[in-house]
Amino acid sequence: MVSRSVQAHRLAAQLSGVAGVEVTLRFRNKRWVLEWTDGPETPQMKQYIAAALNDDAFPDMRAHYEARLLITGHYVTG
């Protein structure tokens, strides 16, 4: 089993490739925080995340997505 932090790093890298912008995923204040500064709007990024989490490579991140993932981008908290 791969640790959550490794899964988070891999997920951020995958999302960066799909979105075409740098995406970071960090654990802060008991939540995973996904951030990007340009590119897709929040609804599009949520679609990218949902598609990525269907991959069996991110089982721990999938579990946290529903409960504690804060998505920030374009200065919007989603």
Foldseek 3Di string as FASTA:
>chain_A
DDDQVVLQVVLQVQLCVVQVFRWHWDQDPNAIEIETEDGDDPVVSVVVSVVVCVDPSNVPVVVRVVPGYWYDYNNDTD
